[in-house]
Amino acid sequence: DINCVEYLPIADITGLLQKVRAAIFLSLDELWLIPTDLVQIATVLDPRFKNFQWNE
């Protein structure tokens, strides 16, 4: 029947928030080692900031 909808079983999300937090923390810990000068240059060259209204 085209009007009949089958639903997926409910997923077990026990401990999911803790796993996501741990994954983000570990990723940031690895990426934090990027040299500061390189990050500053990349930020200045980022095209999203080209039209940013800087306070003068």
C-alpha atoms as a PDB file:
ATOM      1  CA  ASP A   1       0.000   0.000   0.000  1.00  0.00           C
ATOM      2  CA  ILE A   2       1.463   3.372  -1.003  1.00  0.00           C
ATOM      3  CA  ASN A   3      -0.043   5.118   2.034  1.00  0.00           C
ATOM      4  CA  CYS A   4       1.596   2.720   4.496  1.00  0.00           C
ATOM      5  CA  VAL A   5       4.788   4.020   6.086  1.00  0.00           C
ATOM      6  CA  GLU A   6       7.374   1.713   7.601  1.00  0.00           C
ATOM      7  CA  TYR A   7       9.316   3.179  10.491  1.00  0.00           C
ATOM      8  CA  LEU A   8      12.840   2.203  11.424  1.00  0.00           C
ATOM      9  CA  PRO A   9      13.390   0.771  14.895  1.00  0.00           C
ATOM     10  CA  ILE A  10      14.434   3.233  17.593  1.00  0.00           C
ATOM     11  CA  ALA A  11      18.210   3.605  17.782  1.00  0.00           C
ATOM     12  CA  ASP A  12      20.039   3.051  21.044  1.00  0.00           C
ATOM     13  CA  ILE A  13      21.717   6.375  21.838  1.00  0.00           C
ATOM     14  CA  THR A  14      23.009   5.465  25.270  1.00  0.00           C
ATOM     15  CA  GLY A  15      26.287   7.287  25.825  1.00  0.00           C
ATOM     16  CA  LEU A  16      26.130   9.017  22.442  1.00  0.00           C
ATOM     17  CA  LEU A  17      26.651  12.513  23.851  1.00  0.00           C
ATOM     18  CA  GLN A  18      29.763  11.406  25.729  1.00  0.00           C
ATOM     19  CA  LYS A  19      31.146   9.771  22.568  1.00  0.00           C
ATOM     20  CA  VAL A  20      30.550  12.933  20.525  1.00  0.00           C
ATOM     21  CA  ARG A  21      32.170  15.086  23.212  1.00  0.00           C
ATOM     22  CA  ALA A  22      35.197  12.787  23.315  1.00  0.00           C
ATOM     23  CA  ALA A  23      35.531  12.801  19.514  1.00  0.00           C
ATOM     24  CA  ILE A  24      35.394  16.611  19.381  1.00  0.00           C
ATOM     25  CA  PHE A  25      37.887  16.930  22.222  1.00  0.00           C
ATOM     26  CA  LEU A  26      40.358  14.526  20.598  1.00  0.00           C
ATOM     27  CA  SER A  27      40.000  16.251  17.213  1.00  0.00           C
ATOM     28  CA  LEU A  28      40.635  19.672  18.725  1.00  0.00           C
ATOM     29  CA  ASP A  29      43.593  18.299  20.646  1.00  0.00           C
ATOM     30  CA  GLU A  30      45.171  17.096  17.386  1.00  0.00           C
ATOM     31  CA  LEU A  31      44.311  20.204  15.346  1.00  0.00           C
ATOM     32  CA  TRP A  32      45.457  22.630  18.033  1.00  0.00           C
ATOM     33  CA  LEU A  33      49.071  21.904  17.078  1.00  0.00           C
ATOM     34  CA  ILE A  34      48.724  23.984  13.872  1.00  0.00           C
ATOM     35  CA  PRO A  35      51.278  26.829  13.896  1.00  0.00           C
ATOM     36  CA  THR A  36      49.783  30.137  15.032  1.00  0.00           C
ATOM     37  CA  ASP A  37      51.277  32.201  12.177  1.00  0.00           C
ATOM     38  CA  LEU A  38      49.740  29.911   9.585  1.00  0.00           C
ATOM     39  CA  VAL A  39      46.314  30.200  11.217  1.00  0.00           C
ATOM     40  CA  GLN A  40      46.535  33.998  11.294  1.00  0.00           C
ATOM     41  CA  ILE A  41      47.438  34.180   7.608  1.00  0.00           C
ATOM     42  CA  ALA A  42      44.642  31.783   6.698  1.00  0.00           C
ATOM     43  CA  THR A  43      42.174  33.884   8.673  1.00  0.00           C
ATOM     44  CA  VAL A  44      43.188  37.082   6.884  1.00  0.00           C
ATOM     45  CA  LEU A  45      42.943  35.383   3.490  1.00  0.00           C
ATOM     46  CA  ASP A  46      39.593  33.750   4.268  1.00  0.00           C
ATOM     47  CA  PRO A  47      37.122  35.060   1.648  1.00  0.00           C
ATOM     48  CA  ARG A  48      34.294  35.102   4.197  1.00  0.00           C
ATOM     49  CA  PHE A  49      35.970  38.091   5.872  1.00  0.00           C
ATOM     50  CA  LYS A  50      36.468  40.160   2.706  1.00  0.00           C
ATOM     51  CA  ASN A  51      33.195  42.091   3.211  1.00  0.00           C
ATOM     52  CA  PHE A  52      33.330  42.104   6.999  1.00  0.00           C
ATOM     53  CA  GLN A  53      32.565  45.527   8.500  1.00  0.00           C
ATOM     54  CA  TRP A  54      35.591  46.135  10.727  1.00  0.00           C
ATOM     55  CA  ASN A  55      35.282  48.782  13.439  1.00  0.00           C
ATOM     56  CA  GLU A  56      37.518  51.718  12.648  1.00  0.00           C
END
